[in-house]
Structures are given as structure tokens and as C-alpha cells.
């Protein structure tokens, strides 16, 4: 296996090269990432009409550090944990919450957004703040659109923009920018070859 280089996600610099140890580390990273997302979902910033959380900041940071495959696996694990009843979602857990709450569209959007930012990391963009920010913005757009579509299906199209996008657009752009600054800073700690 070739040595990690800057075109690979950040996490590959820290992983051992032995196969068994590497897969154990992948499992650990998926669980640690899903736990970080769960904790970030509990950090609520009061806003009207609904509070915002730090989940997207955690998701974009994890995706940029992990790359697409590991990031998507982390988000799928997070959703599976919540659907199984673990209280990892912002307001609890359980299959009914996952399938029938106003947040279902956002939860699905998290997986797609992680894939977008993770793909950007796979292309070597995690060390380039502007390009990473663009990937994070694309992920933000997906999250907001899927969230709004779900809200429109549940409450009507008149609520989709007012409840599904409006309260989150500014804070989500800020979180996308923070993640785009944080991961390249971490690249600096590892040094470039």
C-alpha cells in the first residue's frame, strides 16, 4: 500500500498500515465520529422558531478528515444508532422518531452532505479552505433542501421555506466556513510531504 499523501483524507496520516489494526481503527473512528455527531446535536443555540445545533459543523469536519467512505459509514452508523432507539438525535431516538419527525429530511441530508465533503477530501481539497468551503456549502444546500422537502410533505409547502430553510441558512453557512477553516489547520499540524 502506498504511503498517504496530501490527496488522501487527513485520517490516513494517523492510521496504522497493518490490515487488522487498520480495520479495528476504522470501526473505532466510525463509533467515535457518530458519538461526536450525537454530542454536537445536543449543543443547542437558541434561535427562533427552532434552535440550531452544532451537528453540521461536526459532520463537515468529520467528512473532511475521514474521506467519503468512512464519513458515509459514520453517518449511516449514526442513523442506525438513532433508529435503534439510542438517544443520539437532537430530541431522542427510535424508529418512529427517525421516520416521522420533522427532522427526517435533514437526517437523510446529513449522509449525502458527508458524502459530498468526504469526496472533496478524497480529491485532496481538505487542505484547501476555499474549495472545502464550496463542498461544505454544497452539502449545506442538500441538507436544507431535503429538510425543507420533508417539512413540505408533513406540514405543507408554505412552511418549507419558513421552517425548513430560513431559520438555518445563516448559521449553517457559518458552520460550513468553520469546518472549512478547521480541517486545513489540522493538515498544518501533520505537515505536508
N, C-alpha and C. Protein backbone atom coordinates (compact mmCIF):
# COMPACT_ATOMS: atom_id res chain seq x y z
N UNK A 1 0.85 -1.18 0.00
CA UNK A 1 0.00 0.00 0.00
C UNK A 1 0.89 1.23 0.00
N UNK A 2 0.52 2.20 -0.79
CA UNK A 2 1.29 3.43 -0.90
C UNK A 2 1.15 4.27 0.36
N UNK A 3 2.15 5.04 0.62
CA UNK A 3 2.08 5.95 1.76
C UNK A 3 1.04 7.02 1.51
N UNK A 4 0.38 7.48 2.58
CA UNK A 4 -0.61 8.54 2.42
C UNK A 4 0.03 9.80 1.87
N UNK A 5 -0.73 10.53 1.09
CA UNK A 5 -0.24 11.81 0.59
C UNK A 5 -1.33 12.85 0.74
N UNK A 6 -1.05 14.05 0.33
CA UNK A 6 -1.98 15.15 0.54
C UNK A 6 -3.30 14.97 -0.20
N UNK A 7 -3.33 14.12 -1.22
CA UNK A 7 -4.59 13.92 -1.94
C UNK A 7 -5.49 12.92 -1.22
N UNK A 8 -5.04 12.38 -0.11
CA UNK A 8 -5.87 11.48 0.67
C UNK A 8 -6.44 12.24 1.87
N UNK A 9 -7.55 11.75 2.44
CA UNK A 9 -8.10 12.40 3.63
C UNK A 9 -7.09 12.41 4.78
N UNK A 10 -7.26 13.38 5.65
CA UNK A 10 -6.37 13.61 6.78
C UNK A 10 -6.17 12.37 7.65
N UNK A 11 -7.21 11.61 7.88
CA UNK A 11 -7.14 10.50 8.82
C UNK A 11 -6.13 9.44 8.40
N UNK A 12 -5.86 9.33 7.11
CA UNK A 12 -4.93 8.30 6.65
C UNK A 12 -3.50 8.55 7.10
N UNK A 13 -3.20 9.75 7.51
CA UNK A 13 -1.88 10.04 8.07
C UNK A 13 -1.70 9.38 9.44
N UNK A 14 -2.79 9.17 10.16
CA UNK A 14 -2.71 8.65 11.52
C UNK A 14 -2.96 7.14 11.61
N UNK A 15 -3.46 6.53 10.55
CA UNK A 15 -3.83 5.11 10.62
C UNK A 15 -2.62 4.20 10.48
N UNK A 16 -2.62 3.09 11.22
CA UNK A 16 -1.54 2.11 11.06
C UNK A 16 -1.66 1.42 9.69
N UNK A 17 -0.58 0.84 9.25
CA UNK A 17 -0.56 0.20 7.94
C UNK A 17 -0.97 -1.27 7.98
N UNK A 18 -0.94 -1.92 9.14
CA UNK A 18 -1.33 -3.32 9.25
C UNK A 18 -2.84 -3.44 9.05
N UNK A 19 -3.27 -4.40 8.25
CA UNK A 19 -4.67 -4.52 7.85
C UNK A 19 -5.61 -4.71 9.02
N UNK A 20 -5.33 -5.67 9.91
CA UNK A 20 -6.25 -5.93 11.04
C UNK A 20 -6.36 -4.71 11.94
N UNK A 21 -5.25 -4.10 12.22
CA UNK A 21 -5.27 -2.91 13.08
C UNK A 21 -6.00 -1.77 12.39
N UNK A 22 -5.80 -1.65 11.09
CA UNK A 22 -6.45 -0.59 10.32
C UNK A 22 -7.98 -0.74 10.39
N UNK A 23 -8.50 -1.96 10.21
CA UNK A 23 -9.95 -2.16 10.25
C UNK A 23 -10.51 -1.94 11.65
N UNK A 24 -9.77 -2.30 12.66
CA UNK A 24 -10.20 -2.00 14.03
C UNK A 24 -10.26 -0.49 14.24
N UNK A 25 -9.28 0.20 13.67
CA UNK A 25 -9.28 1.66 13.78
C UNK A 25 -10.44 2.27 13.01
N UNK A 26 -10.77 1.73 11.83
CA UNK A 26 -11.95 2.21 11.09
C UNK A 26 -13.20 2.10 11.96
N UNK A 27 -13.39 0.94 12.60
CA UNK A 27 -14.56 0.74 13.46
C UNK A 27 -14.57 1.75 14.60
N UNK A 28 -13.42 1.96 15.21
CA UNK A 28 -13.32 2.95 16.29
C UNK A 28 -13.68 4.34 15.78
N UNK A 29 -13.15 4.71 14.61
CA UNK A 29 -13.41 6.04 14.06
C UNK A 29 -14.88 6.25 13.73
N UNK A 30 -15.53 5.22 13.20
CA UNK A 30 -16.97 5.32 12.91
C UNK A 30 -17.75 5.55 14.20
N UNK A 31 -17.44 4.78 15.24
CA UNK A 31 -18.15 4.94 16.51
C UNK A 31 -17.83 6.28 17.16
N UNK A 32 -16.56 6.68 17.13
CA UNK A 32 -16.18 7.98 17.71
C UNK A 32 -16.84 9.12 16.95
N UNK A 33 -16.86 9.02 15.63
CA UNK A 33 -17.50 10.06 14.82
C UNK A 33 -18.99 10.15 15.07
N UNK A 34 -19.66 9.00 15.15
CA UNK A 34 -21.10 9.03 15.41
C UNK A 34 -21.38 9.58 16.81
N UNK A 35 -20.50 9.29 17.76
CA UNK A 35 -20.67 9.84 19.11
C UNK A 35 -20.48 11.36 19.10
N UNK A 36 -19.49 11.83 18.35
CA UNK A 36 -19.26 13.28 18.25
C UNK A 36 -20.46 13.99 17.63
N UNK A 37 -21.04 13.38 16.60
CA UNK A 37 -22.23 13.96 15.97
C UNK A 37 -23.39 14.00 16.96
N UNK A 38 -23.54 12.92 17.73
CA UNK A 38 -24.61 12.88 18.74
C UNK A 38 -24.42 13.97 19.79
N UNK A 39 -23.20 14.15 20.27
CA UNK A 39 -22.93 15.19 21.27
C UNK A 39 -23.16 16.57 20.65
N UNK A 40 -22.69 16.76 19.41
CA UNK A 40 -22.88 18.06 18.74
C UNK A 40 -24.37 18.37 18.56
N UNK A 41 -25.19 17.33 18.41
CA UNK A 41 -26.62 17.52 18.28
C UNK A 41 -27.30 17.96 19.57
N UNK A 42 -26.61 17.78 20.68
CA UNK A 42 -27.16 18.21 21.96
C UNK A 42 -26.77 19.64 22.33
N UNK A 43 -25.80 20.19 21.62
CA UNK A 43 -25.38 21.57 21.86
C UNK A 43 -26.34 22.46 21.06
N UNK A 44 -27.27 23.08 21.77
CA UNK A 44 -28.32 23.87 21.12
C UNK A 44 -28.07 25.35 21.31
N UNK A 45 -28.17 26.06 20.20
CA UNK A 45 -28.07 27.52 20.21
C UNK A 45 -29.49 28.03 20.03
N UNK A 46 -30.03 28.77 21.02
CA UNK A 46 -31.42 29.22 20.91
C UNK A 46 -31.62 30.16 19.73
N UNK A 47 -32.56 29.81 18.87
CA UNK A 47 -32.93 30.62 17.72
C UNK A 47 -34.44 30.48 17.56
N UNK A 48 -35.03 31.34 16.76
CA UNK A 48 -36.46 31.24 16.52
C UNK A 48 -36.67 30.79 15.08
N UNK A 49 -37.55 29.93 14.75
CA UNK A 49 -38.54 29.27 15.59
C UNK A 49 -38.03 27.97 16.22
N UNK A 50 -36.86 27.51 15.80
CA UNK A 50 -36.29 26.30 16.39
C UNK A 50 -34.82 26.55 16.69
N UNK A 51 -34.29 25.84 17.70
CA UNK A 51 -32.86 26.02 17.99
C UNK A 51 -32.00 25.37 16.90
N UNK A 52 -30.78 25.82 16.79
CA UNK A 52 -29.82 25.20 15.88
C UNK A 52 -28.80 24.44 16.71
N UNK A 53 -28.16 23.45 16.12
CA UNK A 53 -27.17 22.65 16.83
C UNK A 53 -25.83 22.73 16.10
N UNK A 54 -24.84 22.05 16.64
CA UNK A 54 -23.52 22.01 16.03
C UNK A 54 -23.30 20.75 15.19
N UNK A 55 -24.38 20.04 14.86
CA UNK A 55 -24.24 18.80 14.11
C UNK A 55 -23.56 18.99 12.77
N UNK A 56 -23.96 19.99 12.00
CA UNK A 56 -23.37 20.13 10.67
C UNK A 56 -21.89 20.49 10.77
N UNK A 57 -21.50 21.24 11.78
CA UNK A 57 -20.08 21.52 11.98
C UNK A 57 -19.33 20.22 12.21
N UNK A 58 -19.87 19.36 13.06
CA UNK A 58 -19.23 18.06 13.32
C UNK A 58 -19.21 17.20 12.07
N UNK A 59 -20.30 17.18 11.34
CA UNK A 59 -20.40 16.33 10.13
C UNK A 59 -19.39 16.78 9.08
N UNK A 60 -19.31 18.06 8.81
CA UNK A 60 -18.38 18.55 7.80
C UNK A 60 -16.93 18.33 8.22
N UNK A 61 -16.64 18.51 9.49
CA UNK A 61 -15.28 18.30 9.98
C UNK A 61 -14.89 16.83 9.87
N UNK A 62 -15.78 15.96 10.30
CA UNK A 62 -15.52 14.52 10.21
C UNK A 62 -15.36 14.09 8.76
N UNK A 63 -16.24 14.54 7.89
CA UNK A 63 -16.19 14.15 6.48
C UNK A 63 -14.89 14.61 5.82
N UNK A 64 -14.46 15.82 6.13
CA UNK A 64 -13.23 16.33 5.53
C UNK A 64 -12.01 15.60 6.07
N UNK A 65 -12.06 15.15 7.30
CA UNK A 65 -10.94 14.41 7.87
C UNK A 65 -10.94 12.94 7.48
N UNK A 66 -12.14 12.35 7.31
CA UNK A 66 -12.26 10.91 7.07
C UNK A 66 -12.25 10.53 5.59
N UNK A 67 -12.75 11.37 4.73
CA UNK A 67 -12.97 10.97 3.34
C UNK A 67 -14.36 10.39 3.19
N UNK A 68 -14.77 10.20 1.93
CA UNK A 68 -16.16 9.82 1.63
C UNK A 68 -16.61 8.51 2.27
N UNK A 69 -15.89 7.43 2.05
CA UNK A 69 -16.37 6.13 2.52
C UNK A 69 -16.51 6.06 4.03
N UNK A 70 -15.49 6.50 4.74
CA UNK A 70 -15.54 6.45 6.20
C UNK A 70 -16.56 7.45 6.75
N UNK A 71 -16.69 8.61 6.12
CA UNK A 71 -17.68 9.60 6.56
C UNK A 71 -19.10 9.09 6.37
N UNK A 72 -19.39 8.52 5.20
CA UNK A 72 -20.73 7.99 4.95
C UNK A 72 -21.02 6.82 5.91
N UNK A 73 -20.04 5.97 6.14
CA UNK A 73 -20.22 4.87 7.11
C UNK A 73 -20.53 5.42 8.50
N UNK A 74 -19.87 6.50 8.87
CA UNK A 74 -20.11 7.12 10.18
C UNK A 74 -21.54 7.65 10.28
N UNK A 75 -22.01 8.32 9.22
CA UNK A 75 -23.37 8.86 9.25
C UNK A 75 -24.41 7.76 9.22
N UNK A 76 -24.15 6.70 8.48
CA UNK A 76 -25.09 5.56 8.47
C UNK A 76 -25.13 4.92 9.85
N UNK A 77 -23.98 4.79 10.50
CA UNK A 77 -23.96 4.25 11.86
C UNK A 77 -24.75 5.15 12.81
N UNK A 78 -24.58 6.46 12.67
CA UNK A 78 -25.32 7.42 13.50
C UNK A 78 -26.83 7.25 13.32
N UNK A 79 -27.28 7.16 12.06
CA UNK A 79 -28.70 6.97 11.80
C UNK A 79 -29.20 5.62 12.33
N UNK A 80 -28.40 4.59 12.17
CA UNK A 80 -28.78 3.26 12.67
C UNK A 80 -28.87 3.26 14.19
N UNK A 81 -27.95 3.92 14.85
CA UNK A 81 -27.99 4.02 16.31
C UNK A 81 -29.27 4.72 16.76
N UNK A 82 -29.60 5.82 16.09
CA UNK A 82 -30.81 6.56 16.44
C UNK A 82 -32.07 5.77 16.14
N UNK A 83 -32.11 5.11 14.98
CA UNK A 83 -33.29 4.31 14.61
C UNK A 83 -33.46 3.13 15.57
N UNK A 84 -32.36 2.63 16.10
CA UNK A 84 -32.43 1.51 17.05
C UNK A 84 -32.89 1.94 18.44
N UNK A 85 -33.03 3.23 18.66
CA UNK A 85 -33.55 3.71 19.93
C UNK A 85 -32.55 4.44 20.81
N UNK A 86 -31.29 4.47 20.42
CA UNK A 86 -30.32 5.24 21.21
C UNK A 86 -30.65 6.72 21.08
N UNK A 87 -30.55 7.48 22.15
CA UNK A 87 -30.95 8.90 22.10
C UNK A 87 -29.88 9.79 21.48
N UNK A 88 -29.48 9.48 20.24
CA UNK A 88 -28.41 10.22 19.58
C UNK A 88 -28.91 11.42 18.78
N UNK A 89 -30.20 11.40 18.40
CA UNK A 89 -30.75 12.53 17.67
C UNK A 89 -30.96 13.69 18.63
N UNK A 90 -31.12 14.87 18.10
CA UNK A 90 -31.25 16.06 18.93
C UNK A 90 -32.36 15.94 19.97
N UNK A 91 -33.46 15.31 19.59
CA UNK A 91 -34.58 15.18 20.53
C UNK A 91 -34.93 13.74 20.85
N UNK A 92 -33.93 12.87 20.87
CA UNK A 92 -34.18 11.49 21.26
C UNK A 92 -33.72 10.48 20.24
N UNK A 93 -34.52 9.44 20.07
CA UNK A 93 -34.17 8.38 19.14
C UNK A 93 -35.36 7.46 18.95
N UNK A 94 -35.16 6.42 18.20
CA UNK A 94 -36.20 5.45 17.93
C UNK A 94 -36.63 5.49 16.48
N UNK A 95 -37.15 4.39 16.00
CA UNK A 95 -37.55 4.27 14.60
C UNK A 95 -38.67 5.25 14.26
N UNK A 96 -39.63 5.41 15.15
CA UNK A 96 -40.73 6.34 14.90
C UNK A 96 -40.21 7.77 14.75
N UNK A 97 -39.27 8.15 15.62
CA UNK A 97 -38.68 9.50 15.52
C UNK A 97 -37.95 9.65 14.20
N UNK A 98 -37.19 8.62 13.83
CA UNK A 98 -36.41 8.69 12.60
C UNK A 98 -37.30 8.81 11.37
N UNK A 99 -38.41 8.08 11.34
CA UNK A 99 -39.25 8.03 10.15
C UNK A 99 -40.33 9.11 10.10
N UNK A 100 -40.71 9.66 11.25
CA UNK A 100 -41.89 10.53 11.25
C UNK A 100 -41.70 11.89 11.91
N UNK A 101 -40.46 12.27 12.20
CA UNK A 101 -40.28 13.59 12.81
C UNK A 101 -40.03 14.63 11.73
N UNK A 102 -40.08 15.88 12.12
CA UNK A 102 -39.83 16.96 11.17
C UNK A 102 -38.38 17.00 10.73
N UNK A 103 -37.51 16.27 11.41
CA UNK A 103 -36.07 16.32 11.09
C UNK A 103 -35.61 15.21 10.15
N UNK A 104 -36.48 14.32 9.73
CA UNK A 104 -36.07 13.18 8.90
C UNK A 104 -35.35 13.61 7.63
N UNK A 105 -35.82 14.62 6.96
CA UNK A 105 -35.17 15.10 5.74
C UNK A 105 -33.75 15.58 6.00
N UNK A 106 -33.55 16.25 7.12
CA UNK A 106 -32.21 16.72 7.48
C UNK A 106 -31.30 15.53 7.77
N UNK A 107 -31.83 14.53 8.48
CA UNK A 107 -31.02 13.36 8.83
C UNK A 107 -30.53 12.65 7.57
N UNK A 108 -31.41 12.49 6.59
CA UNK A 108 -31.00 11.88 5.32
C UNK A 108 -30.00 12.79 4.60
N UNK A 109 -30.24 14.08 4.66
CA UNK A 109 -29.32 15.04 4.05
C UNK A 109 -27.92 14.99 4.64
N UNK A 110 -27.82 14.66 5.94
CA UNK A 110 -26.52 14.54 6.59
C UNK A 110 -25.64 13.52 5.87
N UNK A 111 -26.23 12.40 5.48
CA UNK A 111 -25.46 11.34 4.81
C UNK A 111 -24.95 11.83 3.46
N UNK A 112 -25.82 12.48 2.70
CA UNK A 112 -25.43 12.99 1.38
C UNK A 112 -24.36 14.07 1.53
N UNK A 113 -24.54 14.97 2.50
CA UNK A 113 -23.56 16.04 2.72
C UNK A 113 -22.20 15.47 3.13
N UNK A 114 -22.21 14.45 3.97
CA UNK A 114 -20.95 13.81 4.35
C UNK A 114 -20.27 13.20 3.13
N UNK A 115 -21.07 12.64 2.24
CA UNK A 115 -20.52 12.09 1.00
C UNK A 115 -19.89 13.16 0.12
N UNK A 116 -20.53 14.31 0.04
CA UNK A 116 -20.01 15.41 -0.79
C UNK A 116 -18.69 15.94 -0.23
N UNK A 117 -18.67 16.26 1.05
CA UNK A 117 -17.46 16.79 1.66
C UNK A 117 -16.38 15.71 1.72
N UNK A 118 -16.76 14.48 2.01
CA UNK A 118 -15.80 13.38 2.02
C UNK A 118 -15.17 13.16 0.65
N UNK A 119 -15.98 13.27 -0.41
CA UNK A 119 -15.46 13.15 -1.76
C UNK A 119 -14.44 14.26 -2.03
N UNK A 120 -14.76 15.47 -1.59
CA UNK A 120 -13.82 16.58 -1.76
C UNK A 120 -12.50 16.28 -1.05
N UNK A 121 -12.58 15.69 0.14
CA UNK A 121 -11.36 15.31 0.85
C UNK A 121 -10.59 14.25 0.08
N UNK A 122 -11.30 13.31 -0.50
CA UNK A 122 -10.64 12.27 -1.31
C UNK A 122 -9.91 12.87 -2.51
N UNK A 123 -10.38 14.01 -2.99
CA UNK A 123 -9.76 14.68 -4.13
C UNK A 123 -8.61 15.61 -3.70
N UNK A 124 -8.30 15.64 -2.41
CA UNK A 124 -7.22 16.47 -1.91
C UNK A 124 -7.62 17.89 -1.56
N UNK A 125 -8.92 18.14 -1.45
CA UNK A 125 -9.39 19.51 -1.19
C UNK A 125 -9.51 19.85 0.29
N UNK A 126 -9.28 18.87 1.17
CA UNK A 126 -9.43 19.14 2.60
C UNK A 126 -8.36 20.08 3.13
N UNK A 127 -7.29 20.26 2.39
CA UNK A 127 -6.24 21.18 2.82
C UNK A 127 -6.37 22.55 2.15
N UNK A 128 -7.45 22.74 1.39
CA UNK A 128 -7.68 24.00 0.67
C UNK A 128 -8.98 24.62 1.16
N UNK A 129 -8.90 25.60 2.07
CA UNK A 129 -10.10 26.12 2.73
C UNK A 129 -11.21 26.60 1.80
N UNK A 130 -10.89 27.30 0.75
CA UNK A 130 -11.93 27.85 -0.13
C UNK A 130 -12.66 26.72 -0.86
N UNK A 131 -11.92 25.76 -1.37
CA UNK A 131 -12.54 24.64 -2.09
C UNK A 131 -13.32 23.74 -1.12
N UNK A 132 -12.79 23.57 0.08
CA UNK A 132 -13.51 22.77 1.08
C UNK A 132 -14.79 23.50 1.49
N UNK A 133 -14.74 24.81 1.62
CA UNK A 133 -15.93 25.59 1.94
C UNK A 133 -16.99 25.43 0.85
N UNK A 134 -16.57 25.41 -0.41
CA UNK A 134 -17.51 25.20 -1.51
C UNK A 134 -18.18 23.83 -1.39
N UNK A 135 -17.42 22.81 -1.06
CA UNK A 135 -18.00 21.47 -0.87
C UNK A 135 -18.96 21.47 0.31
N UNK A 136 -18.57 22.14 1.39
CA UNK A 136 -19.45 22.23 2.56
C UNK A 136 -20.73 22.98 2.23
N UNK A 137 -20.62 24.03 1.42
CA UNK A 137 -21.83 24.76 1.01
C UNK A 137 -22.75 23.87 0.18
N UNK A 138 -22.18 23.06 -0.70
CA UNK A 138 -23.00 22.12 -1.48
C UNK A 138 -23.70 21.15 -0.54
N UNK A 139 -22.99 20.66 0.46
CA UNK A 139 -23.60 19.78 1.45
C UNK A 139 -24.69 20.48 2.25
N UNK A 140 -24.44 21.73 2.61
CA UNK A 140 -25.44 22.52 3.32
C UNK A 140 -26.71 22.66 2.49
N UNK A 141 -26.54 22.94 1.21
CA UNK A 141 -27.68 23.07 0.31
C UNK A 141 -28.50 21.78 0.27
N UNK A 142 -27.82 20.66 0.17
CA UNK A 142 -28.51 19.36 0.14
C UNK A 142 -29.29 19.15 1.44
N UNK A 143 -28.65 19.41 2.57
CA UNK A 143 -29.32 19.22 3.87
C UNK A 143 -30.57 20.09 3.94
N UNK A 144 -30.43 21.36 3.60
CA UNK A 144 -31.56 22.28 3.70
C UNK A 144 -32.69 21.92 2.72
N UNK A 145 -32.33 21.56 1.51
CA UNK A 145 -33.36 21.20 0.53
C UNK A 145 -34.10 19.93 0.96
N UNK A 146 -33.37 18.90 1.36
CA UNK A 146 -34.05 17.67 1.80
C UNK A 146 -34.87 17.91 3.06
N UNK A 147 -34.35 18.73 3.97
CA UNK A 147 -35.12 19.07 5.16
C UNK A 147 -36.39 19.82 4.82
N UNK A 148 -36.27 20.80 3.91
CA UNK A 148 -37.45 21.58 3.51
C UNK A 148 -38.46 20.73 2.77
N UNK A 149 -37.99 19.84 1.92
CA UNK A 149 -38.92 18.95 1.20
C UNK A 149 -39.69 18.06 2.17
N UNK A 150 -39.01 17.57 3.18
CA UNK A 150 -39.69 16.72 4.17
C UNK A 150 -40.72 17.54 4.96
N UNK A 151 -40.33 18.74 5.35
CA UNK A 151 -41.26 19.61 6.08
C UNK A 151 -42.46 19.95 5.19
N UNK A 152 -42.22 20.20 3.90
CA UNK A 152 -43.33 20.48 2.98
C UNK A 152 -44.27 19.29 2.90
N UNK A 153 -43.73 18.08 2.88
CA UNK A 153 -44.56 16.88 2.83
C UNK A 153 -45.38 16.71 4.11
N UNK A 154 -44.81 17.11 5.24
CA UNK A 154 -45.51 16.94 6.52
C UNK A 154 -46.47 18.08 6.85
N UNK A 155 -46.06 19.31 6.56
CA UNK A 155 -46.81 20.47 7.03
C UNK A 155 -47.32 21.39 5.92
N UNK A 156 -46.95 21.13 4.67
CA UNK A 156 -47.37 21.97 3.56
C UNK A 156 -46.23 22.81 3.03
N UNK A 157 -46.34 23.16 1.77
CA UNK A 157 -45.26 23.89 1.12
C UNK A 157 -45.04 25.29 1.68
N UNK A 158 -46.08 25.88 2.26
CA UNK A 158 -45.93 27.21 2.82
C UNK A 158 -44.98 27.23 4.02
N UNK A 159 -44.81 26.09 4.67
CA UNK A 159 -43.92 26.00 5.84
C UNK A 159 -42.49 25.63 5.46
N UNK A 160 -42.27 25.13 4.25
CA UNK A 160 -40.96 24.59 3.86
C UNK A 160 -39.84 25.62 3.97
N UNK A 161 -40.06 26.81 3.42
CA UNK A 161 -39.02 27.84 3.47
C UNK A 161 -38.94 28.46 4.85
N UNK A 162 -40.09 28.81 5.41
CA UNK A 162 -40.12 29.49 6.71
C UNK A 162 -39.57 28.62 7.83
N UNK A 163 -39.87 27.34 7.83
CA UNK A 163 -39.42 26.46 8.91
C UNK A 163 -38.22 25.61 8.51
N UNK A 164 -38.13 25.28 7.22
CA UNK A 164 -37.12 24.32 6.78
C UNK A 164 -35.79 24.91 6.38
N UNK A 165 -35.79 26.17 5.93
CA UNK A 165 -34.55 26.77 5.46
C UNK A 165 -34.22 28.05 6.22
N UNK A 166 -35.19 28.94 6.30
CA UNK A 166 -34.98 30.26 6.89
C UNK A 166 -34.25 30.29 8.22
N UNK A 167 -34.66 29.47 9.19
CA UNK A 167 -34.01 29.55 10.49
C UNK A 167 -32.57 29.04 10.50
N UNK A 168 -32.15 28.35 9.46
CA UNK A 168 -30.85 27.67 9.49
C UNK A 168 -29.81 28.22 8.53
N UNK A 169 -30.22 28.96 7.52
CA UNK A 169 -29.31 29.29 6.43
C UNK A 169 -28.06 30.02 6.91
N UNK A 170 -28.19 31.04 7.72
CA UNK A 170 -27.02 31.81 8.15
C UNK A 170 -26.12 30.97 9.04
N UNK A 171 -26.68 30.31 10.03
CA UNK A 171 -25.85 29.53 10.94
C UNK A 171 -25.20 28.35 10.23
N UNK A 172 -25.88 27.74 9.27
CA UNK A 172 -25.28 26.63 8.54
C UNK A 172 -24.12 27.09 7.65
N UNK A 173 -24.22 28.27 7.08
CA UNK A 173 -23.10 28.80 6.29
C UNK A 173 -21.91 29.08 7.20
N UNK A 174 -22.17 29.62 8.38
CA UNK A 174 -21.09 29.87 9.34
C UNK A 174 -20.42 28.56 9.75
N UNK A 175 -21.22 27.52 10.02
CA UNK A 175 -20.65 26.23 10.41
C UNK A 175 -19.87 25.60 9.27
N UNK A 176 -20.33 25.77 8.04
CA UNK A 176 -19.60 25.26 6.88
C UNK A 176 -18.24 25.96 6.76
N UNK A 177 -18.22 27.26 7.03
CA UNK A 177 -16.97 28.02 6.97
C UNK A 177 -16.02 27.61 8.10
N UNK A 178 -16.55 27.41 9.30
CA UNK A 178 -15.71 26.98 10.43
C UNK A 178 -15.05 25.64 10.14
N UNK A 179 -15.82 24.70 9.62
CA UNK A 179 -15.27 23.39 9.29
C UNK A 179 -14.22 23.52 8.19
N UNK A 180 -14.45 24.40 7.23
CA UNK A 180 -13.50 24.60 6.13
C UNK A 180 -12.20 25.23 6.62
N UNK A 181 -12.24 25.93 7.74
CA UNK A 181 -11.02 26.50 8.32
C UNK A 181 -10.34 25.52 9.27
N UNK A 182 -11.13 24.73 9.98
CA UNK A 182 -10.59 23.83 11.00
C UNK A 182 -9.76 22.69 10.39
N UNK A 183 -10.27 22.03 9.40
CA UNK A 183 -9.58 20.86 8.85
C UNK A 183 -8.25 21.25 8.18
N UNK A 184 -8.20 22.30 7.36
CA UNK A 184 -6.89 22.69 6.83
C UNK A 184 -5.89 23.06 7.93
N UNK A 185 -6.37 23.63 9.03
CA UNK A 185 -5.48 23.91 10.15
C UNK A 185 -4.90 22.61 10.72
N UNK A 186 -5.73 21.58 10.78
CA UNK A 186 -5.23 20.28 11.24
C UNK A 186 -4.21 19.70 10.28
N UNK A 187 -4.42 19.93 8.97
CA UNK A 187 -3.42 19.50 7.98
C UNK A 187 -2.08 20.12 8.30
N UNK A 188 -2.08 21.38 8.71
CA UNK A 188 -0.84 22.07 9.05
C UNK A 188 -0.11 21.40 10.21
N UNK A 189 -0.86 20.82 11.15
CA UNK A 189 -0.23 20.12 12.27
C UNK A 189 0.50 18.87 11.82
N UNK A 190 -0.03 18.20 10.81
CA UNK A 190 0.58 16.97 10.32
C UNK A 190 1.70 17.25 9.32
N UNK A 191 1.78 18.46 8.80
CA UNK A 191 2.79 18.80 7.81
C UNK A 191 2.53 18.14 6.47
N UNK A 192 3.00 18.76 5.45
CA UNK A 192 2.81 18.22 4.09
C UNK A 192 4.09 17.60 3.60
N UNK A 193 3.93 16.50 2.87
CA UNK A 193 5.11 15.84 2.30
C UNK A 193 5.30 16.29 0.89
